[in-house]
Amino acid sequence: MKISEACLNSNNKKDSLRRVYGKSMQLESADIKQTVKLHAEMNIMTNELINKEDKSRAFIAVSKKCCYLYELYIRFARTKGYVIDTFGTQKIISLWKFPDANNAIFYDESLSYMGCLLGK
C-alpha cells in the first residue's frame, strides 16, 4: 500500500494533514501538491543579515518558537560569526523553503552542516 493511500484511508490522518498543510489542500487528488513558502523570519535573517554580511547582534522576534530546521540554520550562522538570538525552538520539523543566500559557500556549507546533524 502506498503512503498516500494509507493516509487517504484514515480520517484522522487526513485531518492531521489538513492542519499542517491547510484546509484547502486537495487530499483526494491523485496529484497532491503543496506550496512551500519561505518563513518570514528566515527571509529577514538571510536578506538583512547574511546577504549583507551584517554580524552585529540581532534578535528575530516571532509569534511562536522556530522549528528545528530554522534552529539548525541559525546554529550554522553562529559558527560563521553571526550573533542571532531567537525566542526558542520547537522540536518539530515544519515545511519551509531553504533561503537563498547570495554567498554560495555559505549556502553549500549550511546545507552540509544541517544534513550532518539531521543524519544523526
PDB file of N, CA and C in Angstrom:
ATOM      1  N   MET A   1       0.841  -1.181   0.000  1.00  0.00           N
ATOM      2  CA  MET A   1       0.000   0.000   0.000  1.00  0.00           C
ATOM      3  C   MET A   1       0.885   1.242   0.000  1.00  0.00           C
ATOM      4  N   LYS A   2       0.564   2.210  -0.839  1.00  0.00           N
ATOM      5  CA  LYS A   2       1.297   3.466  -0.893  1.00  0.00           C
ATOM      6  C   LYS A   2       1.003   4.290   0.350  1.00  0.00           C
ATOM      7  N   ILE A   3       1.956   5.148   0.697  1.00  0.00           N
ATOM      8  CA  ILE A   3       1.758   6.028   1.846  1.00  0.00           C
ATOM      9  C   ILE A   3       0.539   6.915   1.624  1.00  0.00           C
ATOM     10  N   SER A   4       0.380   7.427   0.402  1.00  0.00           N
ATOM     11  CA  SER A   4      -0.770   8.303   0.133  1.00  0.00           C
ATOM     12  C   SER A   4      -2.085   7.573   0.348  1.00  0.00           C
ATOM     13  N   GLU A   5      -2.140   6.296  -0.037  1.00  0.00           N
ATOM     14  CA  GLU A   5      -3.376   5.521   0.163  1.00  0.00           C
ATOM     15  C   GLU A   5      -3.635   5.306   1.640  1.00  0.00           C
ATOM     16  N   ALA A   6      -2.586   5.018   2.403  1.00  0.00           N
ATOM     17  CA  ALA A   6      -2.741   4.812   3.843  1.00  0.00           C
ATOM     18  C   ALA A   6      -3.257   6.078   4.514  1.00  0.00           C
ATOM     19  N   CYS A   7      -2.752   7.228   4.080  1.00  0.00           N
ATOM     20  CA  CYS A   7      -3.193   8.497   4.660  1.00  0.00           C
ATOM     21  C   CYS A   7      -4.615   8.842   4.236  1.00  0.00           C
ATOM     22  N   LEU A   8      -4.930   8.602   2.988  1.00  0.00           N
ATOM     23  CA  LEU A   8      -6.254   8.969   2.489  1.00  0.00           C
ATOM     24  C   LEU A   8      -7.343   8.046   2.997  1.00  0.00           C
ATOM     25  N   ASN A   9      -6.985   6.870   3.469  1.00  0.00           N
ATOM     26  CA  ASN A   9      -7.980   5.936   4.001  1.00  0.00           C
ATOM     27  C   ASN A   9      -8.243   6.151   5.487  1.00  0.00           C
ATOM     28  N   SER A  10      -7.591   7.115   6.100  1.00  0.00           N
ATOM     29  CA  SER A  10      -7.761   7.389   7.524  1.00  0.00           C
ATOM     30  C   SER A  10      -8.219   8.833   7.718  1.00  0.00           C
ATOM     31  N   ASN A  11      -9.402   9.006   8.303  1.00  0.00           N
ATOM     32  CA  ASN A  11      -9.900  10.365   8.552  1.00  0.00           C
ATOM     33  C   ASN A  11      -9.005  11.124   9.527  1.00  0.00           C
ATOM     34  N   ASN A  12      -8.447  10.430  10.520  1.00  0.00           N
ATOM     35  CA  ASN A  12      -7.540  11.092  11.473  1.00  0.00           C
ATOM     36  C   ASN A  12      -6.301  11.617  10.764  1.00  0.00           C
ATOM     37  N   LYS A  13      -5.738  10.816   9.866  1.00  0.00           N
ATOM     38  CA  LYS A  13      -4.544  11.248   9.135  1.00  0.00           C
ATOM     39  C   LYS A  13      -4.877  12.386   8.179  1.00  0.00           C
ATOM     40  N   LYS A  14      -6.041  12.314   7.532  1.00  0.00           N
ATOM     41  CA  LYS A  14      -6.469  13.403   6.654  1.00  0.00           C
ATOM     42  C   LYS A  14      -6.578  14.710   7.450  1.00  0.00           C
ATOM     43  N   ASP A  15      -7.212  14.629   8.626  1.00  0.00           N
ATOM     44  CA  ASP A  15      -7.369  15.822   9.455  1.00  0.00           C
ATOM     45  C   ASP A  15      -6.015  16.382   9.879  1.00  0.00           C
ATOM     46  N   SER A  16      -5.090  15.501  10.241  1.00  0.00           N
ATOM     47  CA  SER A  16      -3.747  15.940  10.632  1.00  0.00           C
ATOM     48  C   SER A  16      -3.038  16.621   9.469  1.00  0.00           C
ATOM     49  N   LEU A  17      -3.130  16.040   8.291  1.00  0.00           N
ATOM     50  CA  LEU A  17      -2.503  16.634   7.108  1.00  0.00           C
ATOM     51  C   LEU A  17      -3.101  18.000   6.800  1.00  0.00           C
ATOM     52  N   ARG A  18      -4.398  18.132   6.935  1.00  0.00           N
ATOM     53  CA  ARG A  18      -5.049  19.421   6.668  1.00  0.00           C
ATOM     54  C   ARG A  18      -4.625  20.471   7.695  1.00  0.00           C
ATOM     55  N   ARG A  19      -4.436  20.064   8.957  1.00  0.00           N
ATOM     56  CA  ARG A  19      -3.970  21.013   9.979  1.00  0.00           C
ATOM     57  C   ARG A  19      -2.569  21.523   9.629  1.00  0.00           C
ATOM     58  N   VAL A  20      -1.730  20.639   9.133  1.00  0.00           N
ATOM     59  CA  VAL A  20      -0.357  21.022   8.804  1.00  0.00           C
ATOM     60  C   VAL A  20      -0.288  21.823   7.509  1.00  0.00           C
ATOM     61  N   TYR A  21      -0.982  21.362   6.469  1.00  0.00           N
ATOM     62  CA  TYR A  21      -0.817  21.944   5.139  1.00  0.00           C
ATOM     63  C   TYR A  21      -1.940  22.874   4.707  1.00  0.00           C
ATOM     64  N   GLY A  22      -2.963  23.041   5.526  1.00  0.00           N
ATOM     65  CA  GLY A  22      -4.036  23.965   5.189  1.00  0.00           C
ATOM     66  C   GLY A  22      -5.305  23.245   4.773  1.00  0.00           C
ATOM     67  N   LYS A  23      -6.421  23.864   5.113  1.00  0.00           N
ATOM     68  CA  LYS A  23      -7.724  23.250   4.860  1.00  0.00           C
ATOM     69  C   LYS A  23      -8.033  23.114   3.377  1.00  0.00           C
ATOM     70  N   SER A  24      -7.406  23.935   2.560  1.00  0.00           N
ATOM     71  CA  SER A  24      -7.702  23.888   1.126  1.00  0.00           C
ATOM     72  C   SER A  24      -6.937  22.792   0.391  1.00  0.00           C
ATOM     73  N   MET A  25      -6.107  22.062   1.091  1.00  0.00           N
ATOM     74  CA  MET A  25      -5.322  21.002   0.448  1.00  0.00           C
ATOM     75  C   MET A  25      -6.260  19.944  -0.128  1.00  0.00           C
ATOM     76  N   GLN A  26      -6.059  19.624  -1.370  1.00  0.00           N
ATOM     77  CA  GLN A  26      -6.887  18.634  -2.060  1.00  0.00           C
ATOM     78  C   GLN A  26      -6.333  17.244  -1.810  1.00  0.00           C
ATOM     79  N   LEU A  27      -6.732  16.628  -0.695  1.00  0.00           N
ATOM     80  CA  LEU A  27      -6.183  15.329  -0.322  1.00  0.00           C
ATOM     81  C   LEU A  27      -6.676  14.204  -1.212  1.00  0.00           C
ATOM     82  N   GLU A  28      -7.858  14.353  -1.774  1.00  0.00           N
ATOM     83  CA  GLU A  28      -8.408  13.272  -2.578  1.00  0.00           C
ATOM     84  C   GLU A  28      -7.790  13.219  -3.973  1.00  0.00           C
ATOM     85  N   SER A  29      -7.087  14.237  -4.334  1.00  0.00           N
ATOM     86  CA  SER A  29      -6.484  14.317  -5.657  1.00  0.00           C
ATOM     87  C   SER A  29      -5.346  13.302  -5.789  1.00  0.00           C
ATOM     88  N   ALA A  30      -5.232  12.710  -6.969  1.00  0.00           N
ATOM     89  CA  ALA A  30      -4.133  11.776  -7.224  1.00  0.00           C
ATOM     90  C   ALA A  30      -2.810  12.532  -7.339  1.00  0.00           C
ATOM     91  N   ASP A  31      -2.890  13.824  -7.616  1.00  0.00           N
ATOM     92  CA  ASP A  31      -1.700  14.641  -7.806  1.00  0.00           C
ATOM     93  C   ASP A  31      -1.635  15.688  -6.690  1.00  0.00           C
ATOM     94  N   ILE A  32      -1.303  15.262  -5.470  1.00  0.00           N
ATOM     95  CA  ILE A  32      -1.286  16.163  -4.318  1.00  0.00           C
ATOM     96  C   ILE A  32      -0.082  17.091  -4.438  1.00  0.00           C
ATOM     97  N   LYS A  33      -0.345  18.384  -4.318  1.00  0.00           N
ATOM     98  CA  LYS A  33       0.725  19.378  -4.385  1.00  0.00           C
ATOM     99  C   LYS A  33       0.583  20.316  -3.201  1.00  0.00           C
ATOM    100  N   GLN A  34       1.697  20.803  -2.711  1.00  0.00           N
ATOM    101  CA  GLN A  34       1.688  21.740  -1.596  1.00  0.00           C
ATOM    102  C   GLN A  34       2.692  22.845  -1.897  1.00  0.00           C
ATOM    103  N   THR A  35       2.262  24.076  -1.749  1.00  0.00           N
ATOM    104  CA  THR A  35       3.153  25.201  -1.930  1.00  0.00           C
ATOM    105  C   THR A  35       4.054  25.309  -0.710  1.00  0.00           C
ATOM    106  N   VAL A  36       5.337  25.443  -0.949  1.00  0.00           N
ATOM    107  CA  VAL A  36       6.300  25.594   0.135  1.00  0.00           C
ATOM    108  C   VAL A  36       6.711  27.052   0.161  1.00  0.00           C
ATOM    109  N   LYS A  37       6.613  27.657   1.317  1.00  0.00           N
ATOM    110  CA  LYS A  37       6.897  29.085   1.439  1.00  0.00           C
ATOM    111  C   LYS A  37       8.113  29.310   2.324  1.00  0.00           C
ATOM    112  N   LEU A  38       8.767  30.415   2.077  1.00  0.00           N
ATOM    113  CA  LEU A  38       9.895  30.818   2.902  1.00  0.00           C
ATOM    114  C   LEU A  38       9.350  31.531   4.133  1.00  0.00           C
ATOM    115  N   HIS A  39       9.699  31.058   5.317  1.00  0.00           N
ATOM    116  CA  HIS A  39       9.250  31.694   6.548  1.00  0.00           C
ATOM    117  C   HIS A  39       9.778  33.124   6.597  1.00  0.00           C
ATOM    118  N   ALA A  40       8.962  34.040   7.089  1.00  0.00           N
ATOM    119  CA  ALA A  40       9.326  35.459   7.130  1.00  0.00           C
ATOM    120  C   ALA A  40      10.624  35.695   7.886  1.00  0.00           C
ATOM    121  N   GLU A  41      10.773  35.026   9.033  1.00  0.00           N
ATOM    122  CA  GLU A  41      11.988  35.247   9.833  1.00  0.00           C
ATOM    123  C   GLU A  41      13.240  34.752   9.110  1.00  0.00           C
ATOM    124  N   MET A  42      13.103  33.693   8.313  1.00  0.00           N
ATOM    125  CA  MET A  42      14.239  33.199   7.527  1.00  0.00           C
ATOM    126  C   MET A  42      14.584  34.199   6.427  1.00  0.00           C
ATOM    127  N   ASN A  43      13.563  34.777   5.821  1.00  0.00           N
ATOM    128  CA  ASN A  43      13.768  35.771   4.780  1.00  0.00           C
ATOM    129  C   ASN A  43      14.469  37.005   5.350  1.00  0.00           C
ATOM    130  N   ILE A  44      14.009  37.476   6.504  1.00  0.00           N
ATOM    131  CA  ILE A  44      14.629  38.635   7.144  1.00  0.00           C
ATOM    132  C   ILE A  44      16.082  38.336   7.497  1.00  0.00           C
ATOM    133  N   MET A  45      16.308  37.197   8.140  1.00  0.00           N
ATOM    134  CA  MET A  45      17.661  36.848   8.558  1.00  0.00           C
ATOM    135  C   MET A  45      18.600  36.749   7.355  1.00  0.00           C
ATOM    136  N   THR A  46      18.154  36.082   6.301  1.00  0.00           N
ATOM    137  CA  THR A  46      19.023  35.888   5.143  1.00  0.00           C
ATOM    138  C   THR A  46      19.264  37.198   4.392  1.00  0.00           C
ATOM    139  N   ASN A  47      18.193  37.945   4.118  1.00  0.00           N
ATOM    140  CA  ASN A  47      18.350  39.177   3.338  1.00  0.00           C
ATOM    141  C   ASN A  47      18.999  40.314   4.110  1.00  0.00           C
ATOM    142  N   GLU A  48      18.647  40.457   5.382  1.00  0.00           N
ATOM    143  CA  GLU A  48      19.137  41.597   6.154  1.00  0.00           C
ATOM    144  C   GLU A  48      20.450  41.335   6.892  1.00  0.00           C
ATOM    145  N   LEU A  49      20.758  40.091   7.167  1.00  0.00           N
ATOM    146  CA  LEU A  49      21.985  39.796   7.907  1.00  0.00           C
ATOM    147  C   LEU A  49      22.998  39.043   7.052  1.00  0.00           C
ATOM    148  N   ILE A  50      22.628  37.879   6.583  1.00  0.00           N
ATOM    149  CA  ILE A  50      23.587  37.018   5.895  1.00  0.00           C
ATOM    150  C   ILE A  50      24.012  37.595   4.544  1.00  0.00           C
ATOM    151  N   ASN A  51      23.051  38.006   3.727  1.00  0.00           N
ATOM    152  CA  ASN A  51      23.412  38.547   2.414  1.00  0.00           C
ATOM    153  C   ASN A  51      24.175  39.862   2.519  1.00  0.00           C
ATOM    154  N   LYS A  52      23.969  40.607   3.598  1.00  0.00           N
ATOM    155  CA  LYS A  52      24.688  41.868   3.801  1.00  0.00           C
ATOM    156  C   LYS A  52      25.931  41.675   4.674  1.00  0.00           C
ATOM    157  N   GLU A  53      26.159  40.423   5.100  1.00  0.00           N
ATOM    158  CA  GLU A  53      27.284  40.081   5.977  1.00  0.00           C
ATOM    159  C   GLU A  53      27.322  40.968   7.216  1.00  0.00           C
ATOM    160  N   ASP A  54      26.144  41.233   7.768  1.00  0.00           N
ATOM    161  CA  ASP A  54      25.993  42.046   8.981  1.00  0.00           C
ATOM    162  C   ASP A  54      26.069  41.121  10.192  1.00  0.00           C
ATOM    163  N   LYS A  55      27.194  41.165  10.885  1.00  0.00           N
ATOM    164  CA  LYS A  55      27.402  40.265  12.023  1.00  0.00           C
ATOM    165  C   LYS A  55      27.169  40.972  13.358  1.00  0.00           C
ATOM    166  N   SER A  56      26.487  42.115  13.313  1.00  0.00           N
ATOM    167  CA  SER A  56      26.129  42.770  14.575  1.00  0.00           C
ATOM    168  C   SER A  56      25.002  41.978  15.230  1.00  0.00           C
ATOM    169  N   ARG A  57      24.826  42.148  16.519  1.00  0.00           N
ATOM    170  CA  ARG A  57      23.829  41.392  17.279  1.00  0.00           C
ATOM    171  C   ARG A  57      22.428  41.648  16.723  1.00  0.00           C
ATOM    172  N   ALA A  58      21.666  40.559  16.554  1.00  0.00           N
ATOM    173  CA  ALA A  58      20.303  40.666  16.032  1.00  0.00           C
ATOM    174  C   ALA A  58      19.385  39.741  16.813  1.00  0.00           C
ATOM    175  N   PHE A  59      18.192  40.232  17.083  1.00  0.00           N
ATOM    176  CA  PHE A  59      17.159  39.409  17.709  1.00  0.00           C
ATOM    177  C   PHE A  59      15.986  39.351  16.748  1.00  0.00           C
ATOM    178  N   ILE A  60      15.562  38.151  16.415  1.00  0.00           N
ATOM    179  CA  ILE A  60      14.445  37.978  15.497  1.00  0.00           C
ATOM    180  C   ILE A  60      13.252  37.509  16.315  1.00  0.00           C
ATOM    181  N   ALA A  61      12.243  38.359  16.404  1.00  0.00           N
ATOM    182  CA  ALA A  61      11.057  38.052  17.196  1.00  0.00           C
ATOM    183  C   ALA A  61       9.960  37.484  16.300  1.00  0.00           C
ATOM    184  N   VAL A  62       9.359  36.413  16.756  1.00  0.00           N
ATOM    185  CA  VAL A  62       8.247  35.787  16.033  1.00  0.00           C
ATOM    186  C   VAL A  62       7.160  35.425  17.044  1.00  0.00           C
ATOM    187  N   SER A  63       5.996  35.052  16.547  1.00  0.00           N
ATOM    188  CA  SER A  63       4.873  34.773  17.440  1.00  0.00           C
ATOM    189  C   SER A  63       4.964  33.419  18.128  1.00  0.00           C
ATOM    190  N   LYS A  64       5.808  32.533  17.603  1.00  0.00           N
ATOM    191  CA  LYS A  64       5.983  31.236  18.253  1.00  0.00           C
ATOM    192  C   LYS A  64       7.417  30.781  18.055  1.00  0.00           C
ATOM    193  N   LYS A  65       7.801  29.783  18.788  1.00  0.00           N
ATOM    194  CA  LYS A  65       9.165  29.271  18.683  1.00  0.00           C
ATOM    195  C   LYS A  65       9.408  28.734  17.280  1.00  0.00           C
ATOM    196  N   CYS A  66      10.655  28.840  16.841  1.00  0.00           N
ATOM    197  CA  CYS A  66      11.000  28.398  15.490  1.00  0.00           C
ATOM    198  C   CYS A  66      11.116  26.875  15.421  1.00  0.00           C
ATOM    199  N   CYS A  67      11.024  26.356  14.215  1.00  0.00           N
ATOM    200  CA  CYS A  67      11.121  24.915  14.012  1.00  0.00           C
ATOM    201  C   CYS A  67      12.590  24.471  14.090  1.00  0.00           C
ATOM    202  N   TYR A  68      12.791  23.186  14.142  1.00  0.00           N
ATOM    203  CA  TYR A  68      14.122  22.613  14.311  1.00  0.00           C
ATOM    204  C   TYR A  68      15.052  22.963  13.138  1.00  0.00           C
ATOM    205  N   LEU A  69      14.545  22.963  11.910  1.00  0.00           N
ATOM    206  CA  LEU A  69      15.393  23.281  10.754  1.00  0.00           C
ATOM    207  C   LEU A  69      15.892  24.726  10.829  1.00  0.00           C
ATOM    208  N   TYR A  70      15.016  25.628  11.241  1.00  0.00           N
ATOM    209  CA  TYR A  70      15.396  27.025  11.404  1.00  0.00           C
ATOM    210  C   TYR A  70      16.480  27.139  12.468  1.00  0.00           C
ATOM    211  N   GLU A  71      16.330  26.400  13.557  1.00  0.00           N
ATOM    212  CA  GLU A  71      17.328  26.401  14.618  1.00  0.00           C
ATOM    213  C   GLU A  71      18.685  25.925  14.095  1.00  0.00           C
ATOM    214  N   LEU A  72      18.682  24.876  13.275  1.00  0.00           N
ATOM    215  CA  LEU A  72      19.944  24.380  12.713  1.00  0.00           C
ATOM    216  C   LEU A  72      20.598  25.431  11.818  1.00  0.00           C
ATOM    217  N   TYR A  73      19.788  26.136  11.037  1.00  0.00           N
ATOM    218  CA  TYR A  73      20.305  27.183  10.156  1.00  0.00           C
ATOM    219  C   TYR A  73      20.924  28.313  10.989  1.00  0.00           C
ATOM    220  N   ILE A  74      20.265  28.692  12.081  1.00  0.00           N
ATOM    221  CA  ILE A  74      20.803  29.729  12.965  1.00  0.00           C
ATOM    222  C   ILE A  74      22.096  29.252  13.624  1.00  0.00           C
ATOM    223  N   ARG A  75      22.120  28.002  14.074  1.00  0.00           N
ATOM    224  CA  ARG A  75      23.347  27.448  14.672  1.00  0.00           C
ATOM    225  C   ARG A  75      24.509  27.554  13.699  1.00  0.00           C
ATOM    226  N   PHE A  76      24.240  27.204  12.426  1.00  0.00           N
ATOM    227  CA  PHE A  76      25.305  27.296  11.432  1.00  0.00           C
ATOM    228  C   PHE A  76      25.758  28.746  11.273  1.00  0.00           C
ATOM    229  N   ALA A  77      24.803  29.670  11.171  1.00  0.00           N
ATOM    230  CA  ALA A  77      25.152  31.087  11.024  1.00  0.00           C
ATOM    231  C   ALA A  77      26.012  31.553  12.195  1.00  0.00           C
ATOM    232  N   ARG A  78      25.710  31.070  13.378  1.00  0.00           N
ATOM    233  CA  ARG A  78      26.507  31.430  14.560  1.00  0.00           C
ATOM    234  C   ARG A  78      27.942  30.929  14.429  1.00  0.00           C
ATOM    235  N   THR A  79      28.137  29.754  13.808  1.00  0.00           N
ATOM    236  CA  THR A  79      29.507  29.250  13.622  1.00  0.00           C
ATOM    237  C   THR A  79      30.295  30.145  12.677  1.00  0.00           C
ATOM    238  N   LYS A  80      29.601  30.944  11.881  1.00  0.00           N
ATOM    239  CA  LYS A  80      30.241  31.863  10.939  1.00  0.00           C
ATOM    240  C   LYS A  80      30.360  33.274  11.500  1.00  0.00           C
ATOM    241  N   GLY A  81      30.047  33.438  12.799  1.00  0.00           N
ATOM    242  CA  GLY A  81      30.236  34.728  13.448  1.00  0.00           C
ATOM    243  C   GLY A  81      28.997  35.593  13.555  1.00  0.00           C
ATOM    244  N   TYR A  82      27.862  35.138  13.091  1.00  0.00           N
ATOM    245  CA  TYR A  82      26.631  35.912  13.218  1.00  0.00           C
ATOM    246  C   TYR A  82      26.112  35.763  14.646  1.00  0.00           C
ATOM    247  N   VAL A  83      25.648  36.869  15.203  1.00  0.00           N
ATOM    248  CA  VAL A  83      25.143  36.883  16.582  1.00  0.00           C
ATOM    249  C   VAL A  83      23.626  37.044  16.506  1.00  0.00           C
ATOM    250  N   ILE A  84      22.936  35.911  16.473  1.00  0.00           N
ATOM    251  CA  ILE A  84      21.490  35.904  16.265  1.00  0.00           C
ATOM    252  C   ILE A  84      20.820  35.237  17.467  1.00  0.00           C
ATOM    253  N   ASP A  85      19.878  35.945  18.057  1.00  0.00           N
ATOM    254  CA  ASP A  85      19.108  35.406  19.174  1.00  0.00           C
ATOM    255  C   ASP A  85      17.666  35.204  18.726  1.00  0.00           C
ATOM    256  N   THR A  86      17.044  34.161  19.253  1.00  0.00           N
ATOM    257  CA  THR A  86      15.636  33.889  18.946  1.00  0.00           C
ATOM    258  C   THR A  86      14.897  33.578  20.237  1.00  0.00           C
ATOM    259  N   PHE A  87      13.610  33.445  20.108  1.00  0.00           N
ATOM    260  CA  PHE A  87      12.720  33.158  21.235  1.00  0.00           C
ATOM    261  C   PHE A  87      12.877  31.724  21.725  1.00  0.00           C
ATOM    262  N   GLY A  88      13.295  30.820  20.875  1.00  0.00           N
ATOM    263  CA  GLY A  88      13.445  29.419  21.248  1.00  0.00           C
ATOM    264  C   GLY A  88      13.090  28.508  20.089  1.00  0.00           C
ATOM    265  N   THR A  89      13.105  27.219  20.363  1.00  0.00           N
ATOM    266  CA  THR A  89      12.897  26.227  19.313  1.00  0.00           C
ATOM    267  C   THR A  89      11.851  25.206  19.718  1.00  0.00           C
ATOM    268  N   GLN A  90      11.043  24.816  18.745  1.00  0.00           N
ATOM    269  CA  GLN A  90      10.159  23.669  18.905  1.00  0.00           C
ATOM    270  C   GLN A  90      10.904  22.486  18.303  1.00  0.00           C
ATOM    271  N   LYS A  91      10.775  21.347  18.861  1.00  0.00           N
ATOM    272  CA  LYS A  91      11.454  20.178  18.305  1.00  0.00           C
ATOM    273  C   LYS A  91      10.572  19.512  17.253  1.00  0.00           C
ATOM    274  N   ILE A  92      10.143  20.325  16.290  1.00  0.00           N
ATOM    275  CA  ILE A  92       9.365  19.818  15.157  1.00  0.00           C
ATOM    276  C   ILE A  92      10.065  20.255  13.881  1.00  0.00           C
ATOM    277  N   ILE A  93       9.762  19.583  12.813  1.00  0.00           N
ATOM    278  CA  ILE A  93      10.273  19.992  11.512  1.00  0.00           C
ATOM    279  C   ILE A  93       9.073  20.411  10.694  1.00  0.00           C
ATOM    280  N   SER A  94       9.030  21.685  10.353  1.00  0.00           N
ATOM    281  CA  SER A  94       7.902  22.188   9.570  1.00  0.00           C
ATOM    282  C   SER A  94       8.318  22.360   8.114  1.00  0.00           C
ATOM    283  N   LEU A  95       7.331  22.488   7.279  1.00  0.00           N
ATOM    284  CA  LEU A  95       7.550  22.641   5.845  1.00  0.00           C
ATOM    285  C   LEU A  95       8.032  24.052   5.561  1.00  0.00           C
ATOM    286  N   TRP A  96       9.223  24.178   5.014  1.00  0.00           N
ATOM    287  CA  TRP A  96       9.727  25.500   4.666  1.00  0.00           C
ATOM    288  C   TRP A  96      10.711  25.421   3.523  1.00  0.00           C
ATOM    289  N   LYS A  97      10.834  26.527   2.822  1.00  0.00           N
ATOM    290  CA  LYS A  97      11.766  26.649   1.708  1.00  0.00           C
ATOM    291  C   LYS A  97      13.110  27.094   2.264  1.00  0.00           C
ATOM    292  N   PHE A  98      14.166  26.492   1.779  1.00  0.00           N
ATOM    293  CA  PHE A  98      15.503  26.888   2.204  1.00  0.00           C
ATOM    294  C   PHE A  98      15.808  28.265   1.632  1.00  0.00           C
ATOM    295  N   PRO A  99      16.299  29.201   2.451  1.00  0.00           N
ATOM    296  CA  PRO A  99      16.544  30.563   1.958  1.00  0.00           C
ATOM    297  C   PRO A  99      17.707  30.621   0.973  1.00  0.00           C
ATOM    298  N   ASP A 100      17.625  31.563   0.055  1.00  0.00           N
ATOM    299  CA  ASP A 100      18.670  31.752  -0.951  1.00  0.00           C
ATOM    300  C   ASP A 100      19.692  32.762  -0.442  1.00  0.00           C
ATOM    301  N   ALA A 101      20.817  32.263  -0.009  1.00  0.00           N
ATOM    302  CA  ALA A 101      21.911  33.143   0.407  1.00  0.00           C
ATOM    303  C   ALA A 101      22.719  33.509  -0.832  1.00  0.00           C
ATOM    304  N   ASN A 102      23.126  34.779  -0.916  1.00  0.00           N
ATOM    305  CA  ASN A 102      23.921  35.233  -2.058  1.00  0.00           C
ATOM    306  C   ASN A 102      25.291  34.568  -2.096  1.00  0.00           C
ATOM    307  N   ASN A 103      25.809  34.239  -0.929  1.00  0.00           N
ATOM    308  CA  ASN A 103      27.127  33.636  -0.813  1.00  0.00           C
ATOM    309  C   ASN A 103      26.993  32.123  -1.033  1.00  0.00           C
ATOM    310  N   ALA A 104      27.489  31.623  -2.150  1.00  0.00           N
ATOM    311  CA  ALA A 104      27.347  30.204  -2.498  1.00  0.00           C
ATOM    312  C   ALA A 104      28.058  29.303  -1.491  1.00  0.00           C
ATOM    313  N   ILE A 105      29.176  29.745  -0.953  1.00  0.00           N
ATOM    314  CA  ILE A 105      29.901  28.935   0.030  1.00  0.00           C
ATOM    315  C   ILE A 105      29.076  28.800   1.306  1.00  0.00           C
ATOM    316  N   PHE A 106      28.506  29.915   1.782  1.00  0.00           N
ATOM    317  CA  PHE A 106      27.650  29.872   2.970  1.00  0.00           C
ATOM    318  C   PHE A 106      26.469  28.937   2.718  1.00  0.00           C
ATOM    319  N   TYR A 107      25.854  29.070   1.569  1.00  0.00           N
ATOM    320  CA  TYR A 107      24.699  28.246   1.203  1.00  0.00           C
ATOM    321  C   TYR A 107      25.058  26.758   1.222  1.00  0.00           C
ATOM    322  N   ASP A 108      26.129  26.396   0.527  1.00  0.00           N
ATOM    323  CA  ASP A 108      26.545  24.989   0.455  1.00  0.00           C
ATOM    324  C   ASP A 108      26.950  24.438   1.823  1.00  0.00           C
ATOM    325  N   GLU A 109      27.724  25.223   2.579  1.00  0.00           N
ATOM    326  CA  GLU A 109      28.168  24.759   3.888  1.00  0.00           C
ATOM    327  C   GLU A 109      27.004  24.629   4.865  1.00  0.00           C
ATOM    328  N   SER A 110      26.019  25.516   4.760  1.00  0.00           N
ATOM    329  CA  SER A 110      24.868  25.419   5.667  1.00  0.00           C
ATOM    330  C   SER A 110      24.062  24.157   5.368  1.00  0.00           C
ATOM    331  N   LEU A 111      23.897  23.818   4.105  1.00  0.00           N
ATOM    332  CA  LEU A 111      23.204  22.583   3.745  1.00  0.00           C
ATOM    333  C   LEU A 111      23.945  21.361   4.268  1.00  0.00           C
ATOM    334  N   SER A 112      25.250  21.364   4.121  1.00  0.00           N
ATOM    335  CA  SER A 112      26.063  20.255   4.596  1.00  0.00           C
ATOM    336  C   SER A 112      25.985  20.129   6.121  1.00  0.00           C
ATOM    337  N   TYR A 113      26.093  21.255   6.816  1.00  0.00           N
ATOM    338  CA  TYR A 113      26.025  21.281   8.283  1.00  0.00           C
ATOM    339  C   TYR A 113      24.687  20.708   8.764  1.00  0.00           C
ATOM    340  N   MET A 114      23.600  21.200   8.178  1.00  0.00           N
ATOM    341  CA  MET A 114      22.270  20.749   8.588  1.00  0.00           C
ATOM    342  C   MET A 114      22.063  19.271   8.252  1.00  0.00           C
ATOM    343  N   GLY A 115      22.539  18.859   7.080  1.00  0.00           N
ATOM    344  CA  GLY A 115      22.400  17.465   6.672  1.00  0.00           C
ATOM    345  C   GLY A 115      23.114  16.515   7.623  1.00  0.00           C
ATOM    346  N   CYS A 116      24.303  16.926   8.068  1.00  0.00           N
ATOM    347  CA  CYS A 116      25.057  16.081   9.015  1.00  0.00           C
ATOM    348  C   CYS A 116      24.308  15.945  10.336  1.00  0.00           C
ATOM    349  N   LEU A 117      23.748  17.041  10.840  1.00  0.00           N
ATOM    350  CA  LEU A 117      23.037  16.998  12.117  1.00  0.00           C
ATOM    351  C   LEU A 117      21.719  16.240  11.995  1.00  0.00           C
ATOM    352  N   LEU A 118      21.056  16.338  10.855  1.00  0.00           N
ATOM    353  CA  LEU A 118      19.800  15.617  10.663  1.00  0.00           C
ATOM    354  C   LEU A 118      20.044  14.126  10.504  1.00  0.00           C
ATOM    355  N   GLY A 119      21.232  13.753  10.023  1.00  0.00           N
ATOM    356  CA  GLY A 119      21.556  12.363   9.815  1.00  0.00           C
ATOM    357  C   GLY A 119      21.910  11.608  11.081  1.00  0.00           C
ATOM    358  N   LYS A 120      22.075  12.338  12.183  1.00  0.00           N
ATOM    359  CA  LYS A 120      22.476  11.690  13.455  1.00  0.00           C
ATOM    360  C   LYS A 120      21.293  11.031  14.120  1.00  0.00           C
TER     361      LYS A 120
END
